[in-house]
């Protein structure tokens, strides 16, 4: 994976907001346990989907490596490389 999962998640939410990642005024860990998502991703062969809410967005992360913000594909990540 080129970037850690948290970075990919921040990039996806920032893209949905129309801002650069460093301009995002949101601490993801206040809304979701990113360590738990990374742990979930270590279960090779498992198929899963995790959805959570942020103040202005619904986010879905899948075992296939998709990050959807409000149902729109914003980023991909490589769960097998965590």
PDB file of N, CA and C in Angstrom:
ATOM      1  N   UNK A   1       0.859  -1.169   0.000  1.00  0.00           N
ATOM      2  CA  UNK A   1       0.000   0.000   0.000  1.00  0.00           C
ATOM      3  C   UNK A   1       0.899   1.223   0.000  1.00  0.00           C
ATOM      4  N   UNK A   2       0.566   2.179  -0.825  1.00  0.00           N
ATOM      5  CA  UNK A   2       1.408   3.356  -0.949  1.00  0.00           C
ATOM      6  C   UNK A   2       1.304   4.278   0.258  1.00  0.00           C
ATOM      7  N   UNK A   3       0.158   4.341   0.891  1.00  0.00           N
ATOM      8  CA  UNK A   3      -0.058   5.210   2.048  1.00  0.00           C
ATOM      9  C   UNK A   3      -0.718   4.397   3.157  1.00  0.00           C
ATOM     10  N   UNK A   4      -0.473   4.769   4.408  1.00  0.00           N
ATOM     11  CA  UNK A   4      -1.201   4.121   5.499  1.00  0.00           C
ATOM     12  C   UNK A   4      -2.704   4.340   5.330  1.00  0.00           C
ATOM     13  N   UNK A   5      -3.478   3.411   5.856  1.00  0.00           N
ATOM     14  CA  UNK A   5      -4.932   3.472   5.717  1.00  0.00           C
ATOM     15  C   UNK A   5      -5.492   4.810   6.182  1.00  0.00           C
ATOM     16  N   UNK A   6      -5.026   5.310   7.312  1.00  0.00           N
ATOM     17  CA  UNK A   6      -5.551   6.581   7.835  1.00  0.00           C
ATOM     18  C   UNK A   6      -5.381   7.713   6.826  1.00  0.00           C
ATOM     19  N   UNK A   7      -4.239   7.729   6.149  1.00  0.00           N
ATOM     20  CA  UNK A   7      -3.972   8.768   5.160  1.00  0.00           C
ATOM     21  C   UNK A   7      -4.962   8.652   4.010  1.00  0.00           C
ATOM     22  N   UNK A   8      -5.197   7.437   3.543  1.00  0.00           N
ATOM     23  CA  UNK A   8      -6.156   7.233   2.448  1.00  0.00           C
ATOM     24  C   UNK A   8      -7.559   7.655   2.876  1.00  0.00           C
ATOM     25  N   UNK A   9      -7.922   7.356   4.097  1.00  0.00           N
ATOM     26  CA  UNK A   9      -9.244   7.729   4.601  1.00  0.00           C
ATOM     27  C   UNK A   9      -9.386   9.249   4.698  1.00  0.00           C
ATOM     28  N   UNK A  10      -8.379   9.917   5.200  1.00  0.00           N
ATOM     29  CA  UNK A  10      -8.394  11.384   5.288  1.00  0.00           C
ATOM     30  C   UNK A  10      -8.473  11.980   3.887  1.00  0.00           C
ATOM     31  N   UNK A  11      -7.723  11.427   2.944  1.00  0.00           N
ATOM     32  CA  UNK A  11      -7.764  11.936   1.572  1.00  0.00           C
ATOM     33  C   UNK A  11      -9.158  11.795   0.975  1.00  0.00           C
ATOM     34  N   UNK A  12      -9.813  10.679   1.249  1.00  0.00           N
ATOM     35  CA  UNK A  12     -11.153  10.446   0.712  1.00  0.00           C
ATOM     36  C   UNK A  12     -12.154  11.444   1.268  1.00  0.00           C
ATOM     37  N   UNK A  13     -12.114  11.671   2.567  1.00  0.00           N
ATOM     38  CA  UNK A  13     -13.048  12.614   3.188  1.00  0.00           C
ATOM     39  C   UNK A  13     -12.735  14.035   2.725  1.00  0.00           C
ATOM     40  N   UNK A  14     -11.468  14.382   2.627  1.00  0.00           N
ATOM     41  CA  UNK A  14     -11.095  15.715   2.160  1.00  0.00           C
ATOM     42  C   UNK A  14     -11.569  15.937   0.724  1.00  0.00           C
ATOM     43  N   UNK A  15     -11.444  14.925  -0.116  1.00  0.00           N
ATOM     44  CA  UNK A  15     -11.914  15.047  -1.503  1.00  0.00           C
ATOM     45  C   UNK A  15     -13.413  15.313  -1.537  1.00  0.00           C
ATOM     46  N   UNK A  16     -14.159  14.624  -0.690  1.00  0.00           N
ATOM     47  CA  UNK A  16     -15.609  14.831  -0.626  1.00  0.00           C
ATOM     48  C   UNK A  16     -15.940  16.244  -0.141  1.00  0.00           C
ATOM     49  N   UNK A  17     -15.089  16.797   0.706  1.00  0.00           N
ATOM     50  CA  UNK A  17     -15.288  18.153   1.228  1.00  0.00           C
ATOM     51  C   UNK A  17     -14.796  19.214   0.240  1.00  0.00           C
ATOM     52  N   UNK A  18     -13.997  18.792  -0.741  1.00  0.00           N
ATOM     53  CA  UNK A  18     -13.440  19.739  -1.691  1.00  0.00           C
ATOM     54  C   UNK A  18     -12.282  20.531  -1.134  1.00  0.00           C
ATOM     55  N   UNK A  19     -11.547  19.928  -0.186  1.00  0.00           N
ATOM     56  CA  UNK A  19     -10.388  20.594   0.418  1.00  0.00           C
ATOM     57  C   UNK A  19      -9.179  19.673   0.350  1.00  0.00           C
ATOM     58  N   UNK A  20      -8.026  20.235   0.607  1.00  0.00           N
ATOM     59  CA  UNK A  20      -6.813  19.438   0.718  1.00  0.00           C
ATOM     60  C   UNK A  20      -6.834  18.701   2.059  1.00  0.00           C
ATOM     61  N   UNK A  21      -6.215  17.529   2.146  1.00  0.00           N
ATOM     62  CA  UNK A  21      -6.238  16.766   3.406  1.00  0.00           C
ATOM     63  C   UNK A  21      -5.788  17.571   4.622  1.00  0.00           C
ATOM     64  N   UNK A  22      -4.782  18.413   4.463  1.00  0.00           N
ATOM     65  CA  UNK A  22      -4.294  19.196   5.604  1.00  0.00           C
ATOM     66  C   UNK A  22      -5.271  20.289   6.022  1.00  0.00           C
ATOM     67  N   UNK A  23      -6.247  20.586   5.174  1.00  0.00           N
ATOM     68  CA  UNK A  23      -7.255  21.595   5.502  1.00  0.00           C
ATOM     69  C   UNK A  23      -8.489  20.995   6.175  1.00  0.00           C
ATOM     70  N   UNK A  24      -8.548  19.690   6.261  1.00  0.00           N
ATOM     71  CA  UNK A  24      -9.713  19.025   6.847  1.00  0.00           C
ATOM     72  C   UNK A  24      -9.764  19.300   8.342  1.00  0.00           C
ATOM     73  N   UNK A  25     -10.871  19.841   8.801  1.00  0.00           N
ATOM     74  CA  UNK A  25     -11.016  20.181  10.216  1.00  0.00           C
ATOM     75  C   UNK A  25     -11.805  19.095  10.947  1.00  0.00           C
ATOM     76  N   UNK A  26     -11.258  17.892  10.914  1.00  0.00           N
ATOM     77  CA  UNK A  26     -11.937  16.734  11.462  1.00  0.00           C
ATOM     78  C   UNK A  26     -10.895  15.751  11.979  1.00  0.00           C
ATOM     79  N   UNK A  27     -11.113  15.221  13.158  1.00  0.00           N
ATOM     80  CA  UNK A  27     -10.234  14.186  13.700  1.00  0.00           C
ATOM     81  C   UNK A  27     -10.995  12.867  13.583  1.00  0.00           C
ATOM     82  N   UNK A  28     -10.591  12.044  12.619  1.00  0.00           N
ATOM     83  CA  UNK A  28     -11.324  10.804  12.342  1.00  0.00           C
ATOM     84  C   UNK A  28     -11.472   9.915  13.563  1.00  0.00           C
ATOM     85  N   UNK A  29     -10.432   9.863  14.376  1.00  0.00           N
ATOM     86  CA  UNK A  29     -10.448   8.982  15.541  1.00  0.00           C
ATOM     87  C   UNK A  29     -11.527   9.357  16.558  1.00  0.00           C
ATOM     88  N   UNK A  30     -12.112  10.532  16.429  1.00  0.00           N
ATOM     89  CA  UNK A  30     -13.233  10.907  17.295  1.00  0.00           C
ATOM     90  C   UNK A  30     -14.530  10.215  16.864  1.00  0.00           C
ATOM     91  N   UNK A  31     -14.533   9.657  15.651  1.00  0.00           N
ATOM     92  CA  UNK A  31     -15.745   9.061  15.094  1.00  0.00           C
ATOM     93  C   UNK A  31     -15.614   7.575  14.779  1.00  0.00           C
ATOM     94  N   UNK A  32     -14.395   7.105  14.558  1.00  0.00           N
ATOM     95  CA  UNK A  32     -14.188   5.697  14.219  1.00  0.00           C
ATOM     96  C   UNK A  32     -12.802   5.272  14.696  1.00  0.00           C
ATOM     97  N   UNK A  33     -12.694   4.026  15.101  1.00  0.00           N
ATOM     98  CA  UNK A  33     -11.413   3.474  15.550  1.00  0.00           C
ATOM     99  C   UNK A  33     -10.662   2.949  14.326  1.00  0.00           C
ATOM    100  N   UNK A  34      -9.752   3.754  13.780  1.00  0.00           N
ATOM    101  CA  UNK A  34      -9.028   3.356  12.580  1.00  0.00           C
ATOM    102  C   UNK A  34      -8.117   2.161  12.843  1.00  0.00           C
ATOM    103  N   UNK A  35      -7.644   2.005  14.067  1.00  0.00           N
ATOM    104  CA  UNK A  35      -6.854   0.817  14.406  1.00  0.00           C
ATOM    105  C   UNK A  35      -7.699  -0.448  14.249  1.00  0.00           C
ATOM    106  N   UNK A  36      -8.962  -0.377  14.624  1.00  0.00           N
ATOM    107  CA  UNK A  36      -9.854  -1.534  14.500  1.00  0.00           C
ATOM    108  C   UNK A  36     -10.069  -1.890  13.034  1.00  0.00           C
ATOM    109  N   UNK A  37     -10.172  -0.887  12.164  1.00  0.00           N
ATOM    110  CA  UNK A  37     -10.333  -1.168  10.734  1.00  0.00           C
ATOM    111  C   UNK A  37      -9.079  -1.846  10.195  1.00  0.00           C
ATOM    112  N   UNK A  38      -7.916  -1.358  10.591  1.00  0.00           N
ATOM    113  CA  UNK A  38      -6.676  -1.982  10.146  1.00  0.00           C
ATOM    114  C   UNK A  38      -6.564  -3.419  10.652  1.00  0.00           C
ATOM    115  N   UNK A  39      -6.997  -3.669  11.877  1.00  0.00           N
ATOM    116  CA  UNK A  39      -6.991  -5.020  12.417  1.00  0.00           C
ATOM    117  C   UNK A  39      -7.957  -5.911  11.640  1.00  0.00           C
ATOM    118  N   UNK A  40      -9.127  -5.403  11.346  1.00  0.00           N
ATOM    119  CA  UNK A  40     -10.107  -6.140  10.562  1.00  0.00           C
ATOM    120  C   UNK A  40      -9.531  -6.511   9.200  1.00  0.00           C
ATOM    121  N   UNK A  41      -8.795  -5.612   8.603  1.00  0.00           N
ATOM    122  CA  UNK A  41      -8.228  -5.837   7.279  1.00  0.00           C
ATOM    123  C   UNK A  41      -7.157  -6.915   7.254  1.00  0.00           C
ATOM    124  N   UNK A  42      -6.613  -7.275   8.394  1.00  0.00           N
ATOM    125  CA  UNK A  42      -5.577  -8.317   8.422  1.00  0.00           C
ATOM    126  C   UNK A  42      -6.152  -9.720   8.267  1.00  0.00           C
ATOM    127  N   UNK A  43      -7.463  -9.865   8.317  1.00  0.00           N
ATOM    128  CA  UNK A  43      -8.107 -11.165   8.154  1.00  0.00           C
ATOM    129  C   UNK A  43      -8.259 -11.477   6.675  1.00  0.00           C
ATOM    130  N   UNK A  44      -7.199 -12.032   6.102  1.00  0.00           N
ATOM    131  CA  UNK A  44      -7.203 -12.331   4.670  1.00  0.00           C
ATOM    132  C   UNK A  44      -8.327 -13.286   4.317  1.00  0.00           C
ATOM    133  N   UNK A  45      -8.918 -13.049   3.193  1.00  0.00           N
ATOM    134  CA  UNK A  45      -9.987 -13.906   2.712  1.00  0.00           C
ATOM    135  C   UNK A  45     -11.353 -13.563   3.273  1.00  0.00           C
ATOM    136  N   UNK A  46     -11.398 -12.720   4.288  1.00  0.00           N
ATOM    137  CA  UNK A  46     -12.679 -12.324   4.868  1.00  0.00           C
ATOM    138  C   UNK A  46     -13.300 -11.234   4.006  1.00  0.00           C
ATOM    139  N   UNK A  47     -14.604 -11.298   3.891  1.00  0.00           N
ATOM    140  CA  UNK A  47     -15.333 -10.261   3.162  1.00  0.00           C
ATOM    141  C   UNK A  47     -16.118  -9.442   4.173  1.00  0.00           C
ATOM    142  N   UNK A  48     -15.915  -8.129   4.166  1.00  0.00           N
ATOM    143  CA  UNK A  48     -16.583  -7.281   5.139  1.00  0.00           C
ATOM    144  C   UNK A  48     -16.817  -5.883   4.578  1.00  0.00           C
ATOM    145  N   UNK A  49     -17.762  -5.223   5.171  1.00  0.00           N
ATOM    146  CA  UNK A  49     -18.074  -3.831   4.865  1.00  0.00           C
ATOM    147  C   UNK A  49     -18.311  -3.127   6.188  1.00  0.00           C
ATOM    148  N   UNK A  50     -17.691  -1.985   6.363  1.00  0.00           N
ATOM    149  CA  UNK A  50     -17.863  -1.202   7.575  1.00  0.00           C
ATOM    150  C   UNK A  50     -18.343   0.195   7.183  1.00  0.00           C
ATOM    151  N   UNK A  51     -19.431   0.617   7.767  1.00  0.00           N
ATOM    152  CA  UNK A  51     -19.954   1.957   7.508  1.00  0.00           C
ATOM    153  C   UNK A  51     -19.992   2.741   8.810  1.00  0.00           C
ATOM    154  N   UNK A  52     -19.706   4.031   8.705  1.00  0.00           N
ATOM    155  CA  UNK A  52     -19.789   4.897   9.869  1.00  0.00           C
ATOM    156  C   UNK A  52     -20.160   6.300   9.421  1.00  0.00           C
ATOM    157  N   UNK A  53     -20.604   7.097  10.354  1.00  0.00           N
ATOM    158  CA  UNK A  53     -21.034   8.464  10.062  1.00  0.00           C
ATOM    159  C   UNK A  53     -20.040   9.474  10.604  1.00  0.00           C
ATOM    160  N   UNK A  54     -19.811  10.486   9.802  1.00  0.00           N
ATOM    161  CA  UNK A  54     -19.084  11.669  10.215  1.00  0.00           C
ATOM    162  C   UNK A  54     -20.100  12.803  10.252  1.00  0.00           C
ATOM    163  N   UNK A  55     -19.757  13.956  10.775  1.00  0.00           N
ATOM    164  CA  UNK A  55     -20.749  15.027  10.873  1.00  0.00           C
ATOM    165  C   UNK A  55     -21.468  15.355   9.559  1.00  0.00           C
ATOM    166  N   UNK A  56     -20.770  15.334   8.430  1.00  0.00           N
ATOM    167  CA  UNK A  56     -21.410  15.702   7.166  1.00  0.00           C
ATOM    168  C   UNK A  56     -21.396  14.589   6.132  1.00  0.00           C
ATOM    169  N   UNK A  57     -20.932  13.396   6.511  1.00  0.00           N
ATOM    170  CA  UNK A  57     -20.763  12.336   5.517  1.00  0.00           C
ATOM    171  C   UNK A  57     -21.022  10.951   6.108  1.00  0.00           C
ATOM    172  N   UNK A  58     -21.432  10.052   5.214  1.00  0.00           N
ATOM    173  CA  UNK A  58     -21.482   8.629   5.525  1.00  0.00           C
ATOM    174  C   UNK A  58     -20.312   7.990   4.791  1.00  0.00           C
ATOM    175  N   UNK A  59     -19.539   7.184   5.507  1.00  0.00           N
ATOM    176  CA  UNK A  59     -18.344   6.578   4.931  1.00  0.00           C
ATOM    177  C   UNK A  59     -18.495   5.062   4.996  1.00  0.00           C
ATOM    178  N   UNK A  60     -18.084   4.404   3.913  1.00  0.00           N
ATOM    179  CA  UNK A  60     -18.082   2.949   3.870  1.00  0.00           C
ATOM    180  C   UNK A  60     -16.696   2.496   3.434  1.00  0.00           C
ATOM    181  N   UNK A  61     -16.160   1.524   4.143  1.00  0.00           N
ATOM    182  CA  UNK A  61     -14.867   0.929   3.829  1.00  0.00           C
ATOM    183  C   UNK A  61     -15.124  -0.556   3.605  1.00  0.00           C
ATOM    184  N   UNK A  62     -14.516  -1.126   2.562  1.00  0.00           N
ATOM    185  CA  UNK A  62     -14.759  -2.540   2.262  1.00  0.00           C
ATOM    186  C   UNK A  62     -13.467  -3.347   2.262  1.00  0.00           C
ATOM    187  N   UNK A  63     -13.634  -4.640   2.391  1.00  0.00           N
ATOM    188  CA  UNK A  63     -12.485  -5.547   2.357  1.00  0.00           C
ATOM    189  C   UNK A  63     -11.817  -5.568   0.988  1.00  0.00           C
ATOM    190  N   UNK A  64     -12.505  -5.099  -0.054  1.00  0.00           N
ATOM    191  CA  UNK A  64     -11.922  -5.021  -1.402  1.00  0.00           C
ATOM    192  C   UNK A  64     -10.990  -3.831  -1.543  1.00  0.00           C
ATOM    193  N   UNK A  65     -10.972  -2.954  -0.529  1.00  0.00           N
ATOM    194  CA  UNK A  65     -10.099  -1.797  -0.579  1.00  0.00           C
ATOM    195  C   UNK A  65     -10.767  -0.527  -1.063  1.00  0.00           C
ATOM    196  N   UNK A  66     -12.078  -0.481  -1.044  1.00  0.00           N
ATOM    197  CA  UNK A  66     -12.776   0.724  -1.466  1.00  0.00           C
ATOM    198  C   UNK A  66     -13.081   1.620  -0.273  1.00  0.00           C
ATOM    199  N   UNK A  67     -13.005   2.913  -0.505  1.00  0.00           N
ATOM    200  CA  UNK A  67     -13.473   3.904   0.457  1.00  0.00           C
ATOM    201  C   UNK A  67     -14.520   4.729  -0.269  1.00  0.00           C
ATOM    202  N   UNK A  68     -15.743   4.641   0.207  1.00  0.00           N
ATOM    203  CA  UNK A  68     -16.860   5.386  -0.373  1.00  0.00           C
ATOM    204  C   UNK A  68     -17.278   6.464   0.611  1.00  0.00           C
ATOM    205  N   UNK A  69     -17.441   7.671   0.124  1.00  0.00           N
ATOM    206  CA  UNK A  69     -17.940   8.772   0.941  1.00  0.00           C
ATOM    207  C   UNK A  69     -19.247   9.213   0.314  1.00  0.00           C
ATOM    208  N   UNK A  70     -20.329   9.079   1.075  1.00  0.00           N
ATOM    209  CA  UNK A  70     -21.671   9.383   0.578  1.00  0.00           C
ATOM    210  C   UNK A  70     -21.991   8.582  -0.679  1.00  0.00           C
ATOM    211  N   UNK A  71     -21.507   7.343  -0.705  1.00  0.00           N
ATOM    212  CA  UNK A  71     -21.793   6.438  -1.811  1.00  0.00           C
ATOM    213  C   UNK A  71     -20.934   6.631  -3.043  1.00  0.00           C
ATOM    214  N   UNK A  72     -19.999   7.579  -2.999  1.00  0.00           N
ATOM    215  CA  UNK A  72     -19.133   7.856  -4.145  1.00  0.00           C
ATOM    216  C   UNK A  72     -17.732   7.346  -3.851  1.00  0.00           C
ATOM    217  N   UNK A  73     -17.177   6.601  -4.803  1.00  0.00           N
ATOM    218  CA  UNK A  73     -15.827   6.068  -4.630  1.00  0.00           C
ATOM    219  C   UNK A  73     -14.831   7.224  -4.638  1.00  0.00           C
ATOM    220  N   UNK A  74     -14.137   7.385  -3.534  1.00  0.00           N
ATOM    221  CA  UNK A  74     -13.156   8.468  -3.406  1.00  0.00           C
ATOM    222  C   UNK A  74     -11.727   7.949  -3.417  1.00  0.00           C
ATOM    223  N   UNK A  75     -11.505   6.798  -2.824  1.00  0.00           N
ATOM    224  CA  UNK A  75     -10.148   6.274  -2.701  1.00  0.00           C
ATOM    225  C   UNK A  75     -10.186   4.758  -2.711  1.00  0.00           C
ATOM    226  N   UNK A  76      -9.035   4.173  -2.960  1.00  0.00           N
ATOM    227  CA  UNK A  76      -8.852   2.742  -2.770  1.00  0.00           C
ATOM    228  C   UNK A  76      -7.633   2.550  -1.890  1.00  0.00           C
ATOM    229  N   UNK A  77      -7.594   1.444  -1.230  1.00  0.00           N
ATOM    230  CA  UNK A  77      -6.466   1.105  -0.374  1.00  0.00           C
ATOM    231  C   UNK A  77      -6.231  -0.380  -0.509  1.00  0.00           C
ATOM    232  N   UNK A  78      -5.133  -0.866  -0.052  1.00  0.00           N
ATOM    233  CA  UNK A  78      -4.766  -2.265  -0.197  1.00  0.00           C
ATOM    234  C   UNK A  78      -4.754  -2.949   1.155  1.00  0.00           C
ATOM    235  N   UNK A  79      -5.895  -3.526   1.577  1.00  0.00           N
ATOM    236  CA  UNK A  79      -5.950  -4.141   2.897  1.00  0.00           C
ATOM    237  C   UNK A  79      -4.953  -5.270   3.077  1.00  0.00           C
ATOM    238  N   UNK A  80      -4.576  -5.960   2.024  1.00  0.00           N
ATOM    239  CA  UNK A  80      -3.649  -7.080   2.153  1.00  0.00           C
ATOM    240  C   UNK A  80      -2.237  -6.626   2.498  1.00  0.00           C
ATOM    241  N   UNK A  81      -1.949  -5.351   2.340  1.00  0.00           N
ATOM    242  CA  UNK A  81      -0.604  -4.845   2.599  1.00  0.00           C
ATOM    243  C   UNK A  81      -0.490  -4.154   3.945  1.00  0.00           C
ATOM    244  N   UNK A  82      -1.506  -4.214   4.788  1.00  0.00           N
ATOM    245  CA  UNK A  82      -1.433  -3.582   6.112  1.00  0.00           C
ATOM    246  C   UNK A  82      -0.479  -4.345   6.995  1.00  0.00           C
TER     247      UNK A  82
END
